[in-house]
C-alpha atoms as a PDB file:
ATOM      1  CA  MET A   1      -6.398  -0.295 -10.037  1.00  0.00           C
ATOM      2  CA  ALA A   2      -5.157  -3.885 -10.245  1.00  0.00           C
ATOM      3  CA  PRO A   3      -1.927  -3.763 -12.207  1.00  0.00           C
ATOM      4  CA  LYS A   4      -1.055  -7.454 -12.187  1.00  0.00           C
ATOM      5  CA  GLU A   5      -2.824 -10.633 -13.144  1.00  0.00           C
ATOM      6  CA  TYR A   6      -1.530 -14.114 -12.405  1.00  0.00           C
ATOM      7  CA  SER A   7      -3.791 -16.468 -14.329  1.00  0.00           C
ATOM      8  CA  SER A   8      -3.595 -19.924 -15.749  1.00  0.00           C
ATOM      9  CA  GLY A   9      -5.907 -21.694 -18.158  1.00  0.00           C
ATOM     10  CA  GLN A  10      -8.605 -22.445 -15.606  1.00  0.00           C
ATOM     11  CA  THR A  11      -7.898 -20.206 -12.632  1.00  0.00           C
ATOM     12  CA  ARG A  12      -8.001 -16.449 -12.708  1.00  0.00           C
ATOM     13  CA  ARG A  13      -5.940 -14.638 -10.084  1.00  0.00           C
ATOM     14  CA  ILE A  14      -6.221 -10.894 -10.349  1.00  0.00           C
ATOM     15  CA  GLY A  15      -4.318  -8.349  -8.324  1.00  0.00           C
ATOM     16  CA  ARG A  16      -5.568  -6.260  -5.476  1.00  0.00           C
ATOM     17  CA  ILE A  17      -6.596  -2.609  -5.409  1.00  0.00           C
ATOM     18  CA  SER A  18      -3.269  -0.858  -5.161  1.00  0.00           C
ATOM     19  CA  LYS A  19      -2.580   2.324  -3.271  1.00  0.00           C
ATOM     20  CA  ARG A  20      -1.320   3.932  -6.445  1.00  0.00           C
ATOM     21  CA  GLY A  21      -3.532   6.219  -8.415  1.00  0.00           C
ATOM     22  CA  ASP A  22      -6.265   8.572  -7.321  1.00  0.00           C
ATOM     23  CA  HIS A  23      -6.860   8.375  -3.576  1.00  0.00           C
ATOM     24  CA  TYR A  24     -10.255  10.077  -3.865  1.00  0.00           C
ATOM     25  CA  LEU A  25     -11.513   7.634  -6.498  1.00  0.00           C
ATOM     26  CA  ARG A  26     -10.409   4.694  -4.367  1.00  0.00           C
ATOM     27  CA  THR A  27     -12.221   6.228  -1.389  1.00  0.00           C
ATOM     28  CA  LEU A  28     -15.404   6.621  -3.424  1.00  0.00           C
ATOM     29  CA  LEU A  29     -15.257   3.009  -4.562  1.00  0.00           C
ATOM     30  CA  VAL A  30     -14.818   1.771  -0.985  1.00  0.00           C
ATOM     31  CA  HIS A  31     -17.657   3.944   0.337  1.00  0.00           C
ATOM     32  CA  GLY A  32     -19.894   2.801  -2.510  1.00  0.00           C
ATOM     33  CA  ALA A  33     -19.066  -0.846  -1.803  1.00  0.00           C
ATOM     34  CA  ARG A  34     -19.817  -0.326   1.883  1.00  0.00           C
ATOM     35  CA  ALA A  35     -23.210   1.170   0.992  1.00  0.00           C
ATOM     36  CA  VAL A  36     -24.008  -1.702  -1.401  1.00  0.00           C
ATOM     37  CA  ILE A  37     -23.260  -4.310   1.256  1.00  0.00           C
ATOM     38  CA  ALA A  38     -25.302  -2.477   3.902  1.00  0.00           C
ATOM     39  CA  HIS A  39     -28.268  -2.106   1.552  1.00  0.00           C
ATOM     40  CA  ALA A  40     -28.043  -5.766   0.517  1.00  0.00           C
ATOM     41  CA  GLN A  41     -28.043  -6.845   4.171  1.00  0.00           C
ATOM     42  CA  ARG A  42     -31.167  -4.797   4.861  1.00  0.00           C
ATOM     43  CA  ALA A  43     -32.858  -6.180   1.748  1.00  0.00           C
ATOM     44  CA  VAL A  44     -32.166  -9.781   2.803  1.00  0.00           C
ATOM     45  CA  GLN A  45     -33.403  -9.076   6.344  1.00  0.00           C
ATOM     46  CA  ASN A  46     -36.623  -7.639   4.905  1.00  0.00           C
ATOM     47  CA  GLY A  47     -37.111 -10.655   2.647  1.00  0.00           C
ATOM     48  CA  GLN A  48     -36.445  -8.793  -0.597  1.00  0.00           C
ATOM     49  CA  SER A  49     -34.525 -10.311  -3.470  1.00  0.00           C
ATOM     50  CA  VAL A  50     -31.008  -9.188  -4.337  1.00  0.00           C
ATOM     51  CA  ASP A  51     -29.097  -9.511  -7.599  1.00  0.00           C
ATOM     52  CA  ALA A  52     -26.067 -11.720  -8.193  1.00  0.00           C
ATOM     53  CA  LEU A  53     -23.473  -9.043  -7.410  1.00  0.00           C
ATOM     54  CA  ARG A  54     -25.005  -8.303  -4.023  1.00  0.00           C
ATOM     55  CA  ARG A  55     -25.389 -12.019  -3.252  1.00  0.00           C
ATOM     56  CA  TRP A  56     -21.707 -12.470  -4.057  1.00  0.00           C
ATOM     57  CA  ALA A  57     -20.757  -9.575  -1.764  1.00  0.00           C
ATOM     58  CA  LEU A  58     -22.823 -11.011   1.090  1.00  0.00           C
ATOM     59  CA  SER A  59     -21.273 -14.446   0.642  1.00  0.00           C
ATOM     60  CA  VAL A  60     -17.787 -12.917   0.794  1.00  0.00           C
ATOM     61  CA  ARG A  61     -18.852 -11.080   3.947  1.00  0.00           C
ATOM     62  CA  GLN A  62     -19.946 -14.350   5.551  1.00  0.00           C
ATOM     63  CA  ARG A  63     -16.645 -16.062   4.695  1.00  0.00           C
ATOM     64  CA  ARG A  64     -14.377 -13.132   5.536  1.00  0.00           C
ATOM     65  CA  ASN A  65     -14.859 -10.005   7.601  1.00  0.00           C
ATOM     66  CA  GLN A  66     -16.661  -6.789   6.691  1.00  0.00           C
ATOM     67  CA  ASN A  67     -13.582  -4.858   5.560  1.00  0.00           C
ATOM     68  CA  LYS A  68     -12.275  -7.588   3.256  1.00  0.00           C
ATOM     69  CA  ALA A  69     -15.695  -7.961   1.684  1.00  0.00           C
ATOM     70  CA  THR A  70     -15.864  -4.202   1.180  1.00  0.00           C
ATOM     71  CA  CYS A  71     -12.459  -4.123  -0.530  1.00  0.00           C
ATOM     72  CA  ALA A  72     -13.336  -7.131  -2.686  1.00  0.00           C
ATOM     73  CA  LEU A  73     -16.553  -5.471  -3.839  1.00  0.00           C
ATOM     74  CA  ALA A  74     -14.731  -2.175  -4.441  1.00  0.00           C
ATOM     75  CA  ASN A  75     -12.244  -4.066  -6.616  1.00  0.00           C
ATOM     76  CA  LYS A  76     -15.085  -5.670  -8.568  1.00  0.00           C
ATOM     77  CA  LEU A  77     -16.841  -2.299  -8.961  1.00  0.00           C
ATOM     78  CA  ALA A  78     -13.624  -0.769 -10.297  1.00  0.00           C
ATOM     79  CA  ARG A  79     -13.414  -3.521 -12.913  1.00  0.00           C
ATOM     80  CA  ILE A  80     -17.064  -2.993 -13.870  1.00  0.00           C
ATOM     81  CA  CYS A  81     -16.460   0.763 -14.217  1.00  0.00           C
ATOM     82  CA  TYR A  82     -13.451   0.112 -16.417  1.00  0.00           C
ATOM     83  CA  ALA A  83     -15.402  -2.304 -18.636  1.00  0.00           C
ATOM     84  CA  VAL A  84     -18.267   0.178 -19.007  1.00  0.00           C
ATOM     85  CA  MET A  85     -15.871   2.951 -20.045  1.00  0.00           C
ATOM     86  CA  ARG A  86     -13.909   0.632 -22.357  1.00  0.00           C
ATOM     87  CA  ASP A  87     -16.933  -0.799 -24.175  1.00  0.00           C
ATOM     88  CA  HIS A  88     -19.053   2.394 -24.171  1.00  0.00           C
ATOM     89  CA  GLU A  89     -22.069   0.345 -23.083  1.00  0.00           C
ATOM     90  CA  PRO A  90     -24.223   0.483 -19.963  1.00  0.00           C
ATOM     91  CA  TYR A  91     -23.682  -2.092 -17.248  1.00  0.00           C
ATOM     92  CA  ALA A  92     -25.912  -5.126 -17.567  1.00  0.00           C
ATOM     93  CA  VAL A  93     -26.345  -7.722 -14.855  1.00  0.00           C
ATOM     94  CA  ALA A  94     -26.977 -10.430 -17.451  1.00  0.00           C
ATOM     95  CA  PRO A  95     -23.911 -12.181 -18.847  1.00  0.00           C
ATOM     96  CA  ARG A  96     -22.513 -10.691 -22.030  1.00  0.00           C
ATOM     97  CA  LEU A  97     -21.314 -13.945 -23.527  1.00  0.00           C
ATOM     98  CA  PRO A  98     -23.229 -13.611 -26.831  1.00  0.00           C
ATOM     99  CA  TYR A  99     -21.710 -10.147 -27.303  1.00  0.00           C
ATOM    100  CA  LYS A 100     -18.209 -11.430 -26.606  1.00  0.00           C
ATOM    101  CA  LEU A 101     -18.704 -14.408 -28.911  1.00  0.00           C
ATOM    102  CA  ALA A 102     -19.928 -12.121 -31.690  1.00  0.00           C
ATOM    103  CA  ARG A 103     -16.853  -9.924 -31.332  1.00  0.00           C
ATOM    104  CA  THR A 104     -14.564 -12.960 -31.278  1.00  0.00           C
ATOM    105  CA  SER A 105     -16.112 -14.533 -34.367  1.00  0.00           C
ATOM    106  CA  PHE A 106     -15.838 -11.210 -36.173  1.00  0.00           C
ATOM    107  CA  VAL A 107     -12.142 -10.975 -35.379  1.00  0.00           C
ATOM    108  CA  LEU A 108     -11.528 -14.573 -36.367  1.00  0.00           C
ATOM    109  CA  ALA A 109     -13.512 -14.261 -39.596  1.00  0.00           C
ATOM    110  CA  HIS A 110     -11.598 -11.241 -40.869  1.00  0.00           C
END
């Protein structure tokens, strides 16, 4: 979905959702992102707590407009889906740093 990455040591610049690939999958990601943002808005209005991903999406929506926030969240959801399929593990909201460190130390040790 994002074929290019322009990153340096400290800054990560990842590409956008391209119009290549499966149109239907891209549509599903955008509709899902739109639903997540709408649900997060209702939860905040009702005084309920929201997780970090939804807070991030709402902060993007405040800085930019609704459509850019939707596309940004769809891009992030596509990356999460890819990571879940790549690692064969369920999505966890908590950071996976210990898992990544364990894999890195294993590679470095052998």
